[in-house]
C-alpha atoms as a PDB file:
ATOM      1  CA  MET A   1      95.481  92.191  91.725  1.00  0.00           C
ATOM      2  CA  LEU A   2      93.538  91.225  95.001  1.00  0.00           C
ATOM      3  CA  MET A   3      90.396  92.692  95.375  1.00  0.00           C
ATOM      4  CA  ILE A   4      90.324  95.530  98.118  1.00  0.00           C
ATOM      5  CA  ASP A   5      87.768  95.604 100.812  1.00  0.00           C
ATOM      6  CA  MET A   6      87.133  98.750 103.038  1.00  0.00           C
ATOM      7  CA  ARG A   7      86.578  96.593 106.193  1.00  0.00           C
ATOM      8  CA  ASN A   8      90.331  95.667 105.424  1.00  0.00           C
ATOM      9  CA  SER A   9      91.975  98.853 106.627  1.00  0.00           C
ATOM     10  CA  THR A  10      95.678  97.138 106.040  1.00  0.00           C
ATOM     11  CA  ALA A  11      95.024  96.831 102.174  1.00  0.00           C
ATOM     12  CA  ARG A  12      97.590  98.605 100.173  1.00  0.00           C
ATOM     13  CA  ILE A  13      97.775  99.716  96.521  1.00  0.00           C
ATOM     14  CA  THR A  14     100.252 102.174  94.597  1.00  0.00           C
ATOM     15  CA  MET A  15      99.406 105.014  92.135  1.00  0.00           C
ATOM     16  CA  ARG A  16     101.410 102.869  89.587  1.00  0.00           C
ATOM     17  CA  GLU A  17      99.343  99.635  90.004  1.00  0.00           C
ATOM     18  CA  ILE A  18      95.924 102.223  89.979  1.00  0.00           C
ATOM     19  CA  ALA A  19      97.235 103.440  86.607  1.00  0.00           C
ATOM     20  CA  ALA A  20      97.977  99.981  85.382  1.00  0.00           C
ATOM     21  CA  ALA A  21      94.655  98.812  86.064  1.00  0.00           C
ATOM     22  CA  GLY A  22      93.012 101.581  83.632  1.00  0.00           C
ATOM     23  CA  ARG A  23      89.615 102.399  84.626  1.00  0.00           C
ATOM     24  CA  ARG A  24      89.147  99.456  86.799  1.00  0.00           C
ATOM     25  CA  TYR A  25      89.773 101.494  90.122  1.00  0.00           C
ATOM     26  CA  ALA A  26      89.706 105.095  88.865  1.00  0.00           C
ATOM     27  CA  SER A  27      87.585 107.055  86.120  1.00  0.00           C
ATOM     28  CA  SER A  28      90.720 108.897  85.258  1.00  0.00           C
ATOM     29  CA  PRO A  29      93.796 107.264  86.644  1.00  0.00           C
ATOM     30  CA  ILE A  30      95.941 109.955  84.981  1.00  0.00           C
ATOM     31  CA  ALA A  31      94.099 112.765  86.444  1.00  0.00           C
ATOM     32  CA  LEU A  32      94.118 111.218  89.710  1.00  0.00           C
ATOM     33  CA  SER A  33      97.985 110.509  89.671  1.00  0.00           C
ATOM     34  CA  SER A  34      98.297 114.203  88.659  1.00  0.00           C
ATOM     35  CA  PHE A  35      96.248 115.343  91.753  1.00  0.00           C
ATOM     36  CA  MET A  36      98.265 112.807  94.230  1.00  0.00           C
ATOM     37  CA  ALA A  37     101.426 114.005  92.981  1.00  0.00           C
ATOM     38  CA  GLY A  38     100.706 117.411  94.782  1.00  0.00           C
ATOM     39  CA  VAL A  39     100.434 115.344  98.288  1.00  0.00           C
ATOM     40  CA  ARG A  40     103.563 116.163 100.472  1.00  0.00           C
ATOM     41  CA  LEU A  41     103.859 113.942 103.451  1.00  0.00           C
ATOM     42  CA  THR A  42     106.307 114.495 106.188  1.00  0.00           C
ATOM     43  CA  PRO A  43     107.125 112.213 109.342  1.00  0.00           C
ATOM     44  CA  GLU A  44     104.767 114.373 111.698  1.00  0.00           C
ATOM     45  CA  VAL A  45     101.743 113.106 109.842  1.00  0.00           C
ATOM     46  CA  LEU A  46     102.240 109.577 111.108  1.00  0.00           C
ATOM     47  CA  LEU A  47     101.348 111.163 114.553  1.00  0.00           C
ATOM     48  CA  GLU A  48      97.838 112.272 113.519  1.00  0.00           C
ATOM     49  CA  GLY A  49      95.515 110.118 115.794  1.00  0.00           C
ATOM     50  CA  THR A  50      92.985 109.616 113.078  1.00  0.00           C
ATOM     51  CA  TRP A  51      95.040 106.854 111.494  1.00  0.00           C
ATOM     52  CA  ARG A  52      94.063 104.790 114.546  1.00  0.00           C
ATOM     53  CA  SER A  53      90.431 105.434 113.775  1.00  0.00           C
ATOM     54  CA  PRO A  54      88.246 102.754 111.797  1.00  0.00           C
ATOM     55  CA  ALA A  55      87.620 103.607 108.044  1.00  0.00           C
ATOM     56  CA  GLY A  56      84.623 103.198 105.948  1.00  0.00           C
ATOM     57  CA  ALA A  57      81.064 102.464 106.788  1.00  0.00           C
ATOM     58  CA  ALA A  58      81.952 101.396 110.612  1.00  0.00           C
ATOM     59  CA  GLY A  59      83.583 104.882 111.020  1.00  0.00           C
ATOM     60  CA  ASN A  60      80.575 106.742 109.228  1.00  0.00           C
ATOM     61  CA  PHE A  61      83.138 108.005 106.807  1.00  0.00           C
ATOM     62  CA  ALA A  62      84.917 110.189 109.291  1.00  0.00           C
ATOM     63  CA  PHE A  63      88.160 108.971 107.906  1.00  0.00           C
ATOM     64  CA  PHE A  64      87.583 110.351 104.620  1.00  0.00           C
ATOM     65  CA  ARG A  65      85.988 113.438 105.789  1.00  0.00           C
ATOM     66  CA  HIS A  66      89.116 114.050 108.260  1.00  0.00           C
ATOM     67  CA  LEU A  67      91.558 113.080 105.336  1.00  0.00           C
ATOM     68  CA  MET A  68      89.991 115.246 102.603  1.00  0.00           C
ATOM     69  CA  LEU A  69      88.920 118.296 104.906  1.00  0.00           C
ATOM     70  CA  GLY A  70      91.641 118.326 107.624  1.00  0.00           C
ATOM     71  CA  LEU A  71      94.765 116.796 106.363  1.00  0.00           C
ATOM     72  CA  LEU A  72      94.872 117.087 102.795  1.00  0.00           C
ATOM     73  CA  PRO A  73      94.795 121.004 102.746  1.00  0.00           C
ATOM     74  CA  GLN A  74      97.598 120.876 105.315  1.00  0.00           C
ATOM     75  CA  ARG A  75      99.734 118.547 103.179  1.00  0.00           C
ATOM     76  CA  TYR A  76      99.204 119.818  99.727  1.00  0.00           C
ATOM     77  CA  ASP A  77     101.492 121.779  97.538  1.00  0.00           C
ATOM     78  CA  VAL A  78      99.408 124.913  96.404  1.00  0.00           C
ATOM     79  CA  HIS A  79     101.803 125.514  93.496  1.00  0.00           C
ATOM     80  CA  HIS A  80     100.878 122.037  92.172  1.00  0.00           C
ATOM     81  CA  LEU A  81      97.170 122.629  92.348  1.00  0.00           C
ATOM     82  CA  GLU A  82      97.650 125.972  90.698  1.00  0.00           C
ATOM     83  CA  ALA A  83      99.457 123.945  87.923  1.00  0.00           C
ATOM     84  CA  LEU A  84      96.347 121.804  87.717  1.00  0.00           C
ATOM     85  CA  GLY A  85      94.119 124.816  87.230  1.00  0.00           C
ATOM     86  CA  GLY A  86      93.371 125.724  90.850  1.00  0.00           C
ATOM     87  CA  ARG A  87      90.937 123.211  91.520  1.00  0.00           C
ATOM     88  CA  PHE A  88      90.274 119.339  91.630  1.00  0.00           C
ATOM     89  CA  ALA A  89      87.113 117.711  91.915  1.00  0.00           C
ATOM     90  CA  LEU A  90      87.195 114.163  93.373  1.00  0.00           C
ATOM     91  CA  ARG A  91      84.492 111.602  93.896  1.00  0.00           C
ATOM     92  CA  LEU A  92      85.021 108.570  96.134  1.00  0.00           C
ATOM     93  CA  ALA A  93      82.806 106.220  94.627  1.00  0.00           C
ATOM     94  CA  GLY A  94      80.633 103.787  96.763  1.00  0.00           C
ATOM     95  CA  ILE A  95      80.027 106.159 100.005  1.00  0.00           C
ATOM     96  CA  GLY A  96      77.370 108.381  98.169  1.00  0.00           C
ATOM     97  CA  ARG A  97      77.110 112.195  98.835  1.00  0.00           C
ATOM     98  CA  HIS A  98      79.879 111.858 101.620  1.00  0.00           C
ATOM     99  CA  GLY A  99      82.465 111.149  98.931  1.00  0.00           C
ATOM    100  CA  ASP A 100      82.308 114.190  96.940  1.00  0.00           C
ATOM    101  CA  PHE A 101      85.187 116.632  97.409  1.00  0.00           C
ATOM    102  CA  THR A 102      86.573 119.815  95.762  1.00  0.00           C
ATOM    103  CA  THR A 103      90.192 120.655  96.497  1.00  0.00           C
ATOM    104  CA  MET A 104      90.861 124.313  95.438  1.00  0.00           C
ATOM    105  CA  ALA A 105      93.794 127.019  95.553  1.00  0.00           C
ATOM    106  CA  VAL A 106      92.257 130.035  97.229  1.00  0.00           C
ATOM    107  CA  ASN A 107      94.717 132.872  98.459  1.00  0.00           C
ATOM    108  CA  ARG A 108      97.880 130.740  98.074  1.00  0.00           C
ATOM    109  CA  ARG A 109      96.320 128.110 100.334  1.00  0.00           C
ATOM    110  CA  VAL A 110      94.662 124.683  99.733  1.00  0.00           C
ATOM    111  CA  VAL A 111      90.983 124.386 100.820  1.00  0.00           C
ATOM    112  CA  THR A 112      88.802 121.229 100.300  1.00  0.00           C
ATOM    113  CA  LEU A 113      85.043 121.724 100.370  1.00  0.00           C
ATOM    114  CA  THR A 114      82.339 118.912 100.454  1.00  0.00           C
ATOM    115  CA  GLY A 115      80.488 118.550  97.314  1.00  0.00           C
ATOM    116  CA  LEU A 116      81.432 118.943  93.686  1.00  0.00           C
ATOM    117  CA  PRO A 117      81.163 122.104  91.377  1.00  0.00           C
ATOM    118  CA  ARG A 118      78.541 122.399  88.830  1.00  0.00           C
ATOM    119  CA  ASP A 119      78.739 123.241  85.128  1.00  0.00           C
ATOM    120  CA  ASP A 120      77.124 126.394  84.526  1.00  0.00           C
ATOM    121  CA  ALA A 121      75.143 125.442  81.347  1.00  0.00           C
ATOM    122  CA  SER A 122      74.129 121.629  82.105  1.00  0.00           C
ATOM    123  CA  GLY A 123      73.942 122.050  86.257  1.00  0.00           C
ATOM    124  CA  LEU A 124      75.586 118.653  86.013  1.00  0.00           C
ATOM    125  CA  ALA A 125      78.393 117.991  88.661  1.00  0.00           C
ATOM    126  CA  ILE A 126      81.915 118.205  87.435  1.00  0.00           C
ATOM    127  CA  VAL A 127      84.333 115.371  88.436  1.00  0.00           C
ATOM    128  CA  ASP A 128      87.792 115.489  87.322  1.00  0.00           C
ATOM    129  CA  SER A 129      88.547 111.780  88.838  1.00  0.00           C
ATOM    130  CA  SER A 130      86.340 109.388  90.672  1.00  0.00           C
ATOM    131  CA  VAL A 131      88.106 106.711  92.480  1.00  0.00           C
ATOM    132  CA  ARG A 132      86.634 103.740  94.429  1.00  0.00           C
ATOM    133  CA  ALA A 133      86.609 104.472  98.122  1.00  0.00           C
ATOM    134  CA  ASP A 134      88.361 101.222  99.339  1.00  0.00           C
ATOM    135  CA  VAL A 135      91.025 101.872  96.506  1.00  0.00           C
ATOM    136  CA  PHE A 136      91.570 105.481  97.840  1.00  0.00           C
ATOM    137  CA  LEU A 137      91.804 104.095 101.154  1.00  0.00           C
ATOM    138  CA  ALA A 138      94.471 101.415 100.252  1.00  0.00           C
ATOM    139  CA  LEU A 139      96.310 104.201  98.127  1.00  0.00           C
ATOM    140  CA  TRP A 140      96.722 106.229 101.361  1.00  0.00           C
ATOM    141  CA  ASN A 141      97.817 102.973 103.491  1.00  0.00           C
ATOM    142  CA  GLY A 142     100.374 102.536 101.086  1.00  0.00           C
ATOM    143  CA  MET A 143     101.619 105.922 101.084  1.00  0.00           C
ATOM    144  CA  LEU A 144     101.741 105.996 104.686  1.00  0.00           C
ATOM    145  CA  ALA A 145     103.349 102.649 105.151  1.00  0.00           C
ATOM    146  CA  ASP A 146     106.124 103.881 102.614  1.00  0.00           C
ATOM    147  CA  LEU A 147     106.439 107.128 104.786  1.00  0.00           C
ATOM    148  CA  ALA A 148     106.707 105.037 107.905  1.00  0.00           C
ATOM    149  CA  GLU A 149     109.357 102.543 106.497  1.00  0.00           C
ATOM    150  CA  THR A 150     111.425 105.656 105.225  1.00  0.00           C
ATOM    151  CA  THR A 151     111.224 107.332 108.595  1.00  0.00           C
ATOM    152  CA  LEU A 152     112.265 104.164 110.320  1.00  0.00           C
ATOM    153  CA  ALA A 153     115.174 103.737 107.953  1.00  0.00           C
ATOM    154  CA  HIS A 154     116.387 107.358 108.583  1.00  0.00           C
ATOM    155  CA  VAL A 155     116.077 106.980 112.423  1.00  0.00           C
ATOM    156  CA  ALA A 156     117.877 103.615 112.347  1.00  0.00           C
ATOM    157  CA  ALA A 157     120.783 105.163 110.312  1.00  0.00           C
ATOM    158  CA  ALA A 158     120.902 108.063 112.540  1.00  0.00           C
ATOM    159  CA  ARG A 159     121.120 105.757 115.716  1.00  0.00           C
ATOM    160  CA  SER A 160     123.878 103.759 113.990  1.00  0.00           C
ATOM    161  CA  ALA A 161     126.115 106.752 112.789  1.00  0.00           C
ATOM    162  CA  PRO A 162     129.105 107.330 114.572  1.00  0.00           C
ATOM    163  CA  SER A 163     128.810 110.108 117.234  1.00  0.00           C
ATOM    164  CA  GLN A 164     129.894 113.353 116.290  1.00  0.00           C
ATOM    165  CA  GLN A 165     130.857 114.595 120.019  1.00  0.00           C
ATOM    166  CA  HIS A 166     134.330 114.833 120.966  1.00  0.00           C
END
């Protein structure tokens, strides 16, 4: 596998590749895969202006905040999250305190907050999975590229279909 770099905003990786790498990219690839299975992307997401924004340190991590706090709650299946226990604590490693997020099901809606839940007994942060921020960016790049390719194929097929007008 190629090394992924946050400065290269075109890098792509799949969940399958992350799982195959074991703990090289994510502390719990199985938990991360289970969480990501709840993401529901539709072609409308391609119109989001944030995809044109720089990611990583140059963008002051605004990409990750927008993704986790703005886009993910709108595009995540609340029933899937409830099946996972109603909460998922994700750490994007390598970006410090800016990379801790907790996604929860609240009143049949998905909400993401910054920070991680704490264990009552020990006071330690609970992390369901930690993934390198550059890998998370590449995962979303791959998902969006796949969505774009599928959307373009559907548009091309619709244009080449015989007209239904009489």
